[in-house]
Amino acid sequence: MTASGMTATVEWSGSAGDNLWSSSGNWNPAQVPTSDDAVIIAEPGSEVIVTGKRSARSLLNQATLWIRGQAGGSHASLAVSVGATNAGTIRLDARDSTYNAELV
């Protein structure tokens, strides 16, 4: 939450060019979303890749959202605490049996 106690809105811009949720340059304002943030991904046709453990207060997705662990047992998860609206695609990718991907 912001200093005033309001939920911050963080919107996908894709400006960093690497499609990674974890790159602050892909968001407006330039910060990686946290569990206090309302996340908006309103760019149909874009791909957003979630690796590691990520969270958001709420999610509006209109793109392809990939929740994808990396090789070698690295898990990926996206936890949304209040609510999620999906008008795009959410993919849970398993490259091998040593990791898992989850949307909570």
Protein backbone atom coordinates (compact mmCIF):
# COMPACT_ATOMS: atom_id res chain seq x y z
CA MET A 1 0.00 0.00 0.00
CA THR A 2 1.06 3.56 -0.47
CA ALA A 3 1.99 5.82 2.43
CA SER A 4 -1.60 7.09 2.51
CA GLY A 5 -2.89 3.52 3.03
CA MET A 6 -4.36 3.19 -0.47
CA THR A 7 -3.64 0.30 -2.79
CA ALA A 8 -1.21 1.27 -5.55
CA THR A 9 -2.01 0.42 -9.17
CA VAL A 10 0.87 -1.00 -11.20
CA GLU A 11 0.28 -1.36 -14.95
CA TRP A 12 2.23 -3.48 -17.44
CA SER A 13 4.09 -1.46 -20.09
CA GLY A 14 6.56 -4.07 -21.35
CA SER A 15 9.11 -1.30 -21.85
CA ALA A 16 12.08 -3.36 -20.62
CA GLY A 17 11.54 -5.69 -23.57
CA ASP A 18 12.27 -8.94 -21.72
CA ASN A 19 8.64 -9.92 -20.84
CA LEU A 20 9.62 -10.59 -17.20
CA TRP A 21 7.28 -9.73 -14.31
CA SER A 22 10.43 -9.27 -12.20
CA SER A 23 11.82 -6.40 -14.34
CA SER A 24 10.80 -3.05 -12.88
CA GLY A 25 11.19 -1.42 -16.31
CA ASN A 26 8.18 -3.41 -17.54
CA TRP A 27 5.82 -1.61 -15.15
CA ASN A 28 4.32 1.84 -14.73
CA PRO A 29 5.35 3.15 -12.27
CA ALA A 30 8.75 1.44 -12.62
CA GLN A 31 8.46 -1.03 -9.72
CA VAL A 32 7.89 -4.77 -9.46
CA PRO A 33 4.38 -5.36 -8.07
CA THR A 34 3.98 -6.55 -4.48
CA SER A 35 1.14 -8.05 -2.47
CA ASP A 36 -0.17 -4.51 -1.83
CA ASP A 37 -0.63 -3.66 -5.51
CA ALA A 38 -3.51 -3.81 -7.98
CA VAL A 39 -1.89 -5.23 -11.14
CA ILE A 40 -3.24 -4.42 -14.59
CA ILE A 41 -1.93 -6.20 -17.69
CA ALA A 42 -4.08 -4.61 -20.37
CA GLU A 43 -2.08 -5.33 -23.50
CA PRO A 44 -3.70 -8.13 -25.51
CA GLY A 45 -1.07 -9.98 -27.50
CA SER A 46 1.71 -9.41 -24.97
CA GLU A 47 3.37 -12.14 -22.95
CA VAL A 48 4.27 -11.72 -19.29
CA ILE A 49 6.54 -14.33 -17.69
CA VAL A 50 6.36 -14.97 -13.93
CA THR A 51 9.35 -16.71 -12.36
CA GLY A 52 10.05 -17.14 -8.67
CA LYS A 53 7.52 -16.29 -5.97
CA ARG A 54 5.38 -13.25 -6.90
CA SER A 55 2.24 -11.69 -5.43
CA ALA A 56 -0.40 -9.05 -6.06
CA ARG A 57 -3.44 -7.74 -4.22
CA SER A 58 -5.55 -8.02 -7.38
CA LEU A 59 -4.98 -8.90 -11.01
CA LEU A 60 -6.61 -7.90 -14.29
CA ASN A 61 -5.03 -9.89 -17.12
CA GLN A 62 -5.73 -9.38 -20.82
CA ALA A 63 -2.47 -10.86 -22.12
CA THR A 64 -0.76 -14.25 -21.97
CA LEU A 65 0.49 -14.70 -18.42
CA TRP A 66 3.03 -17.54 -18.07
CA ILE A 67 3.79 -18.85 -14.60
CA ARG A 68 6.99 -20.72 -15.28
CA GLY A 69 9.71 -22.17 -13.08
CA GLN A 70 13.26 -22.41 -14.27
CA ALA A 71 15.29 -25.57 -14.74
CA GLY A 72 16.91 -27.17 -11.72
CA GLY A 73 14.00 -27.20 -9.29
CA SER A 74 13.14 -23.49 -9.27
CA HIS A 75 9.43 -23.08 -8.54
CA ALA A 76 7.16 -20.28 -9.78
CA SER A 77 4.01 -18.97 -8.14
CA LEU A 78 1.69 -16.00 -8.32
CA ALA A 79 -0.49 -15.38 -5.27
CA VAL A 80 -3.41 -12.95 -5.68
CA SER A 81 -5.05 -12.09 -2.36
CA VAL A 82 -8.25 -10.22 -3.29
CA GLY A 83 -9.33 -11.26 -6.76
CA ALA A 84 -8.28 -11.95 -10.32
CA THR A 85 -10.04 -11.24 -13.60
CA ASN A 86 -8.69 -13.07 -16.62
CA ALA A 87 -9.67 -12.00 -20.12
CA GLY A 88 -6.47 -13.40 -21.61
CA THR A 89 -4.59 -16.65 -21.15
CA ILE A 90 -2.90 -18.02 -18.05
CA ARG A 91 -0.34 -20.77 -18.64
CA LEU A 92 1.25 -22.98 -15.99
CA ASP A 93 4.36 -24.38 -17.65
CA ALA A 94 6.26 -27.47 -16.55
CA ARG A 95 9.56 -27.86 -18.36
CA ASP A 96 10.59 -30.89 -16.32
CA SER A 97 9.53 -32.75 -13.20
CA THR A 98 11.87 -30.88 -10.83
CA TYR A 99 9.73 -27.76 -10.45
CA ASN A 100 6.14 -26.69 -10.36
CA ALA A 101 4.10 -23.61 -11.25
CA GLU A 102 1.01 -22.44 -9.41
CA LEU A 103 -1.57 -19.69 -9.32
CA VAL A 104 -2.88 -19.22 -5.80
